[in-house]
Amino acid sequence: MLTKKITKWLKENEDALLPEYQEKYRNFLIENGFDKNSSFVEFMSQYSDEINGCEGHLFDVVGDLIDYTKTSTNYQIHTFDKVPTNYISLTDDTTECYLLYNKDNDSVVLIEGANLQRLLDEDFDQEWGSFNDFLTEFLEIDD
């Protein structure tokens, strides 16, 4: 679940998706192995759109996963870059860095240079232990 501070910040600063998209996105994520009680599912099913923050911008991750074709970012990193499928790109610009959500353990990692070997070696430039921790820093929410 999202923290109260994150929820408050989002309500004050971002527009939520329309209810029919929220239900569609939530169902898609759950059907594809994401934890229904996670902050990731809650966030992505309500606010999966371009959101700017301190590490660049998040993009419509769920829309990208639904349209899992040769033109989608996550298809490209999984198929061509060989990024393990438990990692989901949070940004559509993977040429400069990987900003990845790990659906196995709810963490987020940043790897400058989009270097697959560093990902496989778990040599991250930055790691957040949870999606909530990442959002707090990304959105620059004061503790």
N, C-alpha and C. Protein backbone atom coordinates (compact mmCIF):
# COMPACT_ATOMS: atom_id res chain seq x y z
N MET A 1 0.84 -1.19 0.00
CA MET A 1 0.00 0.00 0.00
C MET A 1 0.89 1.25 0.00
N LEU A 2 0.39 2.28 -0.66
CA LEU A 2 1.09 3.55 -0.66
C LEU A 2 1.01 4.19 0.72
N THR A 3 2.07 4.91 1.09
CA THR A 3 2.04 5.59 2.38
C THR A 3 1.06 6.77 2.32
N LYS A 4 0.66 7.24 3.48
CA LYS A 4 -0.26 8.38 3.55
C LYS A 4 0.34 9.62 2.91
N LYS A 5 1.65 9.83 3.12
CA LYS A 5 2.31 11.01 2.54
C LYS A 5 2.33 10.95 1.02
N ILE A 6 2.58 9.79 0.47
CA ILE A 6 2.58 9.64 -0.99
C ILE A 6 1.17 9.84 -1.52
N THR A 7 0.20 9.22 -0.90
CA THR A 7 -1.19 9.36 -1.32
C THR A 7 -1.63 10.81 -1.30
N LYS A 8 -1.30 11.51 -0.24
CA LYS A 8 -1.64 12.93 -0.12
C LYS A 8 -0.98 13.74 -1.23
N TRP A 9 0.31 13.49 -1.47
CA TRP A 9 1.04 14.22 -2.50
C TRP A 9 0.41 13.99 -3.87
N LEU A 10 0.08 12.75 -4.17
CA LEU A 10 -0.50 12.42 -5.47
C LEU A 10 -1.87 13.10 -5.65
N LYS A 11 -2.69 13.08 -4.63
CA LYS A 11 -4.00 13.73 -4.73
C LYS A 11 -3.89 15.22 -4.96
N GLU A 12 -2.84 15.83 -4.40
CA GLU A 12 -2.63 17.28 -4.54
C GLU A 12 -1.92 17.67 -5.83
N ASN A 13 -1.19 16.74 -6.43
CA ASN A 13 -0.32 17.11 -7.55
C ASN A 13 -0.56 16.37 -8.86
N GLU A 14 -1.28 15.28 -8.85
CA GLU A 14 -1.47 14.48 -10.07
C GLU A 14 -2.95 14.15 -10.26
N ASP A 15 -3.33 13.96 -11.52
CA ASP A 15 -4.68 13.53 -11.84
C ASP A 15 -4.72 12.02 -11.91
N ALA A 16 -5.69 11.44 -11.24
CA ALA A 16 -5.86 9.98 -11.27
C ALA A 16 -6.46 9.57 -12.61
N LEU A 17 -6.19 8.33 -12.99
CA LEU A 17 -6.79 7.78 -14.19
C LEU A 17 -8.31 7.67 -14.01
N LEU A 18 -9.03 7.64 -15.11
CA LEU A 18 -10.47 7.42 -15.05
C LEU A 18 -10.75 6.05 -14.44
N PRO A 19 -11.86 5.91 -13.71
CA PRO A 19 -12.15 4.64 -13.01
C PRO A 19 -12.10 3.40 -13.89
N GLU A 20 -12.57 3.49 -15.14
CA GLU A 20 -12.56 2.30 -16.01
C GLU A 20 -11.11 1.87 -16.34
N TYR A 21 -10.20 2.84 -16.45
CA TYR A 21 -8.79 2.50 -16.68
C TYR A 21 -8.15 1.96 -15.40
N GLN A 22 -8.53 2.51 -14.25
CA GLN A 22 -7.99 2.01 -12.99
C GLN A 22 -8.31 0.53 -12.84
N GLU A 23 -9.54 0.14 -13.10
CA GLU A 23 -9.94 -1.26 -12.97
C GLU A 23 -9.21 -2.13 -13.99
N LYS A 24 -9.14 -1.66 -15.25
CA LYS A 24 -8.45 -2.40 -16.31
C LYS A 24 -6.97 -2.60 -15.96
N TYR A 25 -6.30 -1.54 -15.51
CA TYR A 25 -4.88 -1.61 -15.19
C TYR A 25 -4.63 -2.50 -13.99
N ARG A 26 -5.45 -2.37 -12.96
CA ARG A 26 -5.29 -3.19 -11.76
C ARG A 26 -5.45 -4.68 -12.11
N ASN A 27 -6.51 -5.00 -12.84
CA ASN A 27 -6.75 -6.39 -13.23
C ASN A 27 -5.60 -6.94 -14.07
N PHE A 28 -5.09 -6.14 -15.01
CA PHE A 28 -3.98 -6.58 -15.85
C PHE A 28 -2.75 -6.90 -15.00
N LEU A 29 -2.42 -6.01 -14.08
CA LEU A 29 -1.23 -6.24 -13.24
C LEU A 29 -1.37 -7.50 -12.39
N ILE A 30 -2.51 -7.66 -11.76
CA ILE A 30 -2.74 -8.84 -10.91
C ILE A 30 -2.70 -10.12 -11.75
N GLU A 31 -3.33 -10.10 -12.93
CA GLU A 31 -3.33 -11.27 -13.81
C GLU A 31 -1.93 -11.61 -14.31
N ASN A 32 -1.02 -10.64 -14.26
CA ASN A 32 0.34 -10.86 -14.75
C ASN A 32 1.36 -10.98 -13.63
N GLY A 33 0.88 -11.41 -12.45
CA GLY A 33 1.78 -11.81 -11.39
C GLY A 33 2.25 -10.74 -10.43
N PHE A 34 1.71 -9.54 -10.52
CA PHE A 34 2.08 -8.49 -9.57
C PHE A 34 1.25 -8.64 -8.29
N ASP A 35 1.86 -8.34 -7.16
CA ASP A 35 1.20 -8.47 -5.86
C ASP A 35 0.07 -7.45 -5.76
N LYS A 36 -1.17 -7.94 -5.62
CA LYS A 36 -2.33 -7.05 -5.59
C LYS A 36 -2.31 -6.08 -4.42
N ASN A 37 -1.56 -6.37 -3.38
CA ASN A 37 -1.49 -5.50 -2.21
C ASN A 37 -0.28 -4.56 -2.22
N SER A 38 0.48 -4.58 -3.31
CA SER A 38 1.70 -3.79 -3.36
C SER A 38 1.42 -2.31 -3.67
N SER A 39 2.35 -1.47 -3.24
CA SER A 39 2.26 -0.04 -3.57
C SER A 39 2.40 0.16 -5.07
N PHE A 40 3.16 -0.72 -5.74
CA PHE A 40 3.32 -0.62 -7.19
C PHE A 40 1.98 -0.76 -7.90
N VAL A 41 1.22 -1.79 -7.56
CA VAL A 41 -0.08 -2.01 -8.19
C VAL A 41 -1.03 -0.85 -7.87
N GLU A 42 -1.03 -0.42 -6.63
CA GLU A 42 -1.90 0.70 -6.26
C GLU A 42 -1.55 1.96 -7.06
N PHE A 43 -0.26 2.27 -7.12
CA PHE A 43 0.19 3.46 -7.85
C PHE A 43 -0.10 3.34 -9.34
N MET A 44 0.33 2.25 -9.95
CA MET A 44 0.22 2.10 -11.40
C MET A 44 -1.22 1.96 -11.87
N SER A 45 -2.09 1.47 -11.02
CA SER A 45 -3.49 1.35 -11.43
C SER A 45 -4.25 2.66 -11.26
N GLN A 46 -3.65 3.61 -10.56
CA GLN A 46 -4.31 4.90 -10.37
C GLN A 46 -3.63 6.05 -11.10
N TYR A 47 -2.30 5.97 -11.25
CA TYR A 47 -1.55 7.10 -11.79
C TYR A 47 -0.56 6.72 -12.89
N SER A 48 -0.78 5.63 -13.59
CA SER A 48 0.16 5.20 -14.62
C SER A 48 0.11 6.16 -15.80
N ASP A 49 0.92 7.18 -15.72
CA ASP A 49 1.00 8.20 -16.76
C ASP A 49 2.35 8.88 -16.60
N GLU A 50 2.67 9.83 -17.45
CA GLU A 50 3.95 10.51 -17.32
C GLU A 50 3.94 11.40 -16.08
N ILE A 51 4.89 11.13 -15.18
CA ILE A 51 5.04 11.91 -13.95
C ILE A 51 6.51 12.27 -13.81
N ASN A 52 6.79 13.54 -13.66
CA ASN A 52 8.17 14.01 -13.54
C ASN A 52 8.63 13.93 -12.09
N GLY A 53 9.92 13.63 -11.93
CA GLY A 53 10.52 13.55 -10.61
C GLY A 53 12.01 13.78 -10.69
N CYS A 54 12.69 13.55 -9.60
CA CYS A 54 14.12 13.87 -9.52
C CYS A 54 14.99 12.96 -10.38
N GLU A 55 14.52 11.81 -10.80
CA GLU A 55 15.31 10.89 -11.64
C GLU A 55 14.80 10.90 -13.09
N GLY A 56 14.11 11.97 -13.50
CA GLY A 56 13.56 12.03 -14.85
C GLY A 56 12.06 11.94 -14.82
N HIS A 57 11.49 11.02 -15.61
CA HIS A 57 10.04 10.87 -15.61
C HIS A 57 9.66 9.39 -15.66
N LEU A 58 8.53 9.12 -15.03
CA LEU A 58 7.91 7.81 -15.16
C LEU A 58 6.97 7.89 -16.36
N PHE A 59 6.76 6.79 -17.03
CA PHE A 59 5.84 6.80 -18.16
C PHE A 59 4.69 5.84 -17.90
N ASP A 60 3.81 5.69 -18.87
CA ASP A 60 2.66 4.82 -18.72
C ASP A 60 3.12 3.36 -18.77
N VAL A 61 3.61 2.88 -17.64
CA VAL A 61 4.19 1.54 -17.56
C VAL A 61 3.16 0.47 -17.91
N VAL A 62 1.97 0.58 -17.36
CA VAL A 62 0.97 -0.46 -17.60
C VAL A 62 0.53 -0.46 -19.06
N GLY A 63 0.34 0.72 -19.63
CA GLY A 63 0.01 0.80 -21.05
C GLY A 63 1.08 0.14 -21.91
N ASP A 64 2.33 0.34 -21.53
CA ASP A 64 3.45 -0.28 -22.24
C ASP A 64 3.41 -1.80 -22.10
N LEU A 65 3.09 -2.28 -20.92
CA LEU A 65 3.01 -3.74 -20.71
C LEU A 65 1.82 -4.35 -21.43
N ILE A 66 0.71 -3.63 -21.49
CA ILE A 66 -0.47 -4.13 -22.21
C ILE A 66 -0.15 -4.23 -23.70
N ASP A 67 0.57 -3.23 -24.23
CA ASP A 67 0.96 -3.20 -25.65
C ASP A 67 2.35 -3.82 -25.79
N TYR A 68 2.52 -5.05 -25.36
CA TYR A 68 3.82 -5.72 -25.33
C TYR A 68 4.18 -6.19 -26.73
N THR A 69 4.62 -5.24 -27.57
CA THR A 69 4.99 -5.51 -28.95
C THR A 69 6.39 -4.96 -29.19
N LYS A 70 6.89 -5.10 -30.41
CA LYS A 70 8.24 -4.66 -30.75
C LYS A 70 8.49 -3.18 -30.46
N THR A 71 7.42 -2.38 -30.38
CA THR A 71 7.61 -0.95 -30.14
C THR A 71 7.54 -0.58 -28.66
N SER A 72 7.18 -1.51 -27.79
CA SER A 72 7.07 -1.18 -26.37
C SER A 72 8.44 -1.28 -25.69
N THR A 73 8.66 -0.39 -24.76
CA THR A 73 9.93 -0.32 -24.06
C THR A 73 10.25 -1.62 -23.34
N ASN A 74 9.30 -2.15 -22.59
CA ASN A 74 9.58 -3.37 -21.82
C ASN A 74 9.80 -4.58 -22.72
N TYR A 75 9.09 -4.68 -23.83
CA TYR A 75 9.35 -5.75 -24.79
C TYR A 75 10.80 -5.64 -25.29
N GLN A 76 11.22 -4.44 -25.63
CA GLN A 76 12.57 -4.24 -26.15
C GLN A 76 13.65 -4.60 -25.14
N ILE A 77 13.49 -4.15 -23.90
CA ILE A 77 14.55 -4.47 -22.92
C ILE A 77 14.57 -5.95 -22.57
N HIS A 78 13.41 -6.61 -22.57
CA HIS A 78 13.37 -8.04 -22.26
C HIS A 78 13.84 -8.88 -23.45
N THR A 79 13.48 -8.49 -24.66
CA THR A 79 13.80 -9.29 -25.84
C THR A 79 15.18 -9.00 -26.40
N PHE A 80 15.47 -7.73 -26.59
CA PHE A 80 16.74 -7.36 -27.24
C PHE A 80 17.88 -7.15 -26.26
N ASP A 81 17.60 -6.48 -25.13
CA ASP A 81 18.65 -6.23 -24.13
C ASP A 81 18.85 -7.42 -23.20
N LYS A 82 17.89 -8.34 -23.18
CA LYS A 82 17.93 -9.54 -22.33
C LYS A 82 17.84 -9.23 -20.83
N VAL A 83 17.14 -8.13 -20.49
CA VAL A 83 16.88 -7.82 -19.08
C VAL A 83 15.91 -8.87 -18.55
N PRO A 84 16.18 -9.45 -17.38
CA PRO A 84 15.26 -10.45 -16.82
C PRO A 84 13.84 -9.88 -16.69
N THR A 85 12.85 -10.73 -16.93
CA THR A 85 11.46 -10.26 -17.00
C THR A 85 10.86 -9.84 -15.65
N ASN A 86 11.55 -10.14 -14.55
CA ASN A 86 11.04 -9.64 -13.27
C ASN A 86 11.32 -8.15 -13.10
N TYR A 87 12.18 -7.59 -13.97
CA TYR A 87 12.46 -6.15 -13.95
C TYR A 87 11.60 -5.44 -14.97
N ILE A 88 10.93 -4.39 -14.53
CA ILE A 88 10.04 -3.61 -15.36
C ILE A 88 10.57 -2.19 -15.45
N SER A 89 10.74 -1.69 -16.68
CA SER A 89 11.25 -0.34 -16.86
C SER A 89 10.19 0.68 -16.44
N LEU A 90 10.62 1.67 -15.66
CA LEU A 90 9.72 2.73 -15.22
C LEU A 90 9.79 3.95 -16.12
N THR A 91 10.73 3.94 -17.05
CA THR A 91 10.88 5.06 -17.97
C THR A 91 11.02 4.53 -19.40
N ASP A 92 10.61 5.34 -20.35
CA ASP A 92 10.69 4.90 -21.74
C ASP A 92 12.03 5.24 -22.38
N ASP A 93 12.92 5.89 -21.65
CA ASP A 93 14.26 6.20 -22.16
C ASP A 93 15.26 5.27 -21.49
N THR A 94 15.59 4.18 -22.18
CA THR A 94 16.52 3.20 -21.61
C THR A 94 17.90 3.28 -22.28
N THR A 95 18.16 4.37 -23.00
CA THR A 95 19.46 4.51 -23.65
C THR A 95 20.51 5.03 -22.69
N GLU A 96 20.11 5.85 -21.72
CA GLU A 96 21.04 6.46 -20.78
C GLU A 96 21.16 5.69 -19.47
N CYS A 97 20.05 5.07 -19.06
CA CYS A 97 20.06 4.35 -17.79
C CYS A 97 18.91 3.37 -17.75
N TYR A 98 19.01 2.44 -16.80
CA TYR A 98 17.88 1.57 -16.46
C TYR A 98 17.33 2.06 -15.13
N LEU A 99 16.05 2.36 -15.10
CA LEU A 99 15.33 2.62 -13.86
C LEU A 99 14.27 1.53 -13.82
N LEU A 100 14.50 0.52 -12.98
CA LEU A 100 13.73 -0.72 -13.06
C LEU A 100 13.07 -1.08 -11.74
N TYR A 101 11.83 -1.51 -11.85
CA TYR A 101 11.09 -2.06 -10.71
C TYR A 101 11.27 -3.58 -10.73
N ASN A 102 11.60 -4.16 -9.58
CA ASN A 102 11.74 -5.61 -9.47
C ASN A 102 10.46 -6.16 -8.86
N LYS A 103 9.66 -6.83 -9.67
CA LYS A 103 8.36 -7.30 -9.18
C LYS A 103 8.49 -8.47 -8.22
N ASP A 104 9.68 -9.08 -8.13
CA ASP A 104 9.89 -10.18 -7.19
C ASP A 104 10.04 -9.70 -5.75
N ASN A 105 10.62 -8.50 -5.56
CA ASN A 105 10.87 -8.05 -4.18
C ASN A 105 10.47 -6.60 -3.91
N ASP A 106 9.78 -5.94 -4.85
CA ASP A 106 9.24 -4.58 -4.68
C ASP A 106 10.32 -3.50 -4.61
N SER A 107 11.54 -3.82 -5.04
CA SER A 107 12.60 -2.82 -5.02
C SER A 107 12.68 -2.09 -6.36
N VAL A 108 13.41 -0.98 -6.37
CA VAL A 108 13.68 -0.23 -7.59
C VAL A 108 15.18 -0.02 -7.67
N VAL A 109 15.74 -0.18 -8.88
CA VAL A 109 17.17 0.01 -9.06
C VAL A 109 17.44 0.99 -10.20
N LEU A 110 18.54 1.71 -10.07
CA LEU A 110 19.01 2.63 -11.09
C LEU A 110 20.40 2.17 -11.52
N ILE A 111 20.59 2.02 -12.83
CA ILE A 111 21.89 1.66 -13.38
C ILE A 111 22.20 2.64 -14.50
N GLU A 112 23.15 3.52 -14.25
CA GLU A 112 23.59 4.48 -15.26
C GLU A 112 24.23 3.71 -16.41
N GLY A 113 23.99 4.18 -17.62
CA GLY A 113 24.59 3.54 -18.79
C GLY A 113 23.83 2.33 -19.30
N ALA A 114 22.71 1.99 -18.66
CA ALA A 114 21.89 0.85 -19.10
C ALA A 114 22.75 -0.38 -19.35
N ASN A 115 23.53 -0.75 -18.36
CA ASN A 115 24.50 -1.83 -18.49
C ASN A 115 23.91 -3.13 -17.93
N LEU A 116 23.62 -4.07 -18.82
CA LEU A 116 23.00 -5.34 -18.42
C LEU A 116 23.89 -6.12 -17.46
N GLN A 117 25.18 -6.17 -17.72
CA GLN A 117 26.07 -6.96 -16.85
C GLN A 117 26.04 -6.42 -15.42
N ARG A 118 25.99 -5.10 -15.28
CA ARG A 118 25.91 -4.52 -13.93
C ARG A 118 24.59 -4.89 -13.26
N LEU A 119 23.52 -4.98 -14.04
CA LEU A 119 22.24 -5.42 -13.48
C LEU A 119 22.35 -6.86 -13.00
N LEU A 120 22.89 -7.71 -13.83
CA LEU A 120 23.02 -9.13 -13.47
C LEU A 120 23.96 -9.33 -12.28
N ASP A 121 24.98 -8.48 -12.18
CA ASP A 121 25.92 -8.55 -11.05
C ASP A 121 25.40 -7.82 -9.81
N GLU A 122 24.20 -7.24 -9.91
CA GLU A 122 23.60 -6.44 -8.83
C GLU A 122 24.52 -5.31 -8.40
N ASP A 123 25.16 -4.69 -9.38
CA ASP A 123 26.04 -3.54 -9.17
C ASP A 123 25.26 -2.28 -9.57
N PHE A 124 24.42 -1.81 -8.65
CA PHE A 124 23.50 -0.71 -8.94
C PHE A 124 24.11 0.63 -8.55
N ASP A 125 23.76 1.67 -9.30
CA ASP A 125 24.16 3.02 -8.89
C ASP A 125 23.32 3.47 -7.71
N GLN A 126 22.09 3.01 -7.69
CA GLN A 126 21.22 3.31 -6.56
C GLN A 126 20.17 2.21 -6.46
N GLU A 127 19.77 1.92 -5.23
CA GLU A 127 18.72 0.92 -5.00
C GLU A 127 17.82 1.41 -3.89
N TRP A 128 16.53 1.27 -4.12
CA TRP A 128 15.53 1.59 -3.11
C TRP A 128 14.91 0.27 -2.67
N GLY A 129 14.80 0.06 -1.38
CA GLY A 129 14.31 -1.20 -0.84
C GLY A 129 12.85 -1.48 -1.11
N SER A 130 12.09 -0.44 -1.43
CA SER A 130 10.67 -0.63 -1.73
C SER A 130 10.22 0.44 -2.73
N PHE A 131 9.10 0.16 -3.38
CA PHE A 131 8.55 1.14 -4.32
C PHE A 131 8.15 2.41 -3.59
N ASN A 132 7.65 2.29 -2.36
CA ASN A 132 7.32 3.47 -1.55
C ASN A 132 8.57 4.33 -1.30
N ASP A 133 9.69 3.69 -0.95
CA ASP A 133 10.94 4.43 -0.74
C ASP A 133 11.34 5.18 -2.01
N PHE A 134 11.23 4.49 -3.15
CA PHE A 134 11.56 5.13 -4.43
C PHE A 134 10.66 6.33 -4.68
N LEU A 135 9.34 6.15 -4.54
CA LEU A 135 8.42 7.26 -4.81
C LEU A 135 8.67 8.45 -3.90
N THR A 136 8.96 8.19 -2.63
CA THR A 136 9.22 9.27 -1.68
C THR A 136 10.38 10.13 -2.16
N GLU A 137 11.45 9.47 -2.62
CA GLU A 137 12.61 10.23 -3.11
C GLU A 137 12.34 10.82 -4.49
N PHE A 138 11.77 10.05 -5.39
CA PHE A 138 11.52 10.49 -6.76
C PHE A 138 10.61 11.72 -6.79
N LEU A 139 9.58 11.69 -5.98
CA LEU A 139 8.62 12.81 -5.95
C LEU A 139 9.06 13.92 -5.00
N GLU A 140 10.20 13.69 -4.33
CA GLU A 140 10.78 14.65 -3.39
C GLU A 140 9.78 15.04 -2.29
N ILE A 141 9.23 14.00 -1.68
CA ILE A 141 8.27 14.16 -0.59
C ILE A 141 9.05 14.20 0.72
N ASP A 142 8.86 15.25 1.47
CA ASP A 142 9.56 15.38 2.77
C ASP A 142 9.03 14.35 3.75
N ASP A 143 9.96 13.79 4.51
CA ASP A 143 9.56 12.82 5.56
C ASP A 143 8.91 13.50 6.73
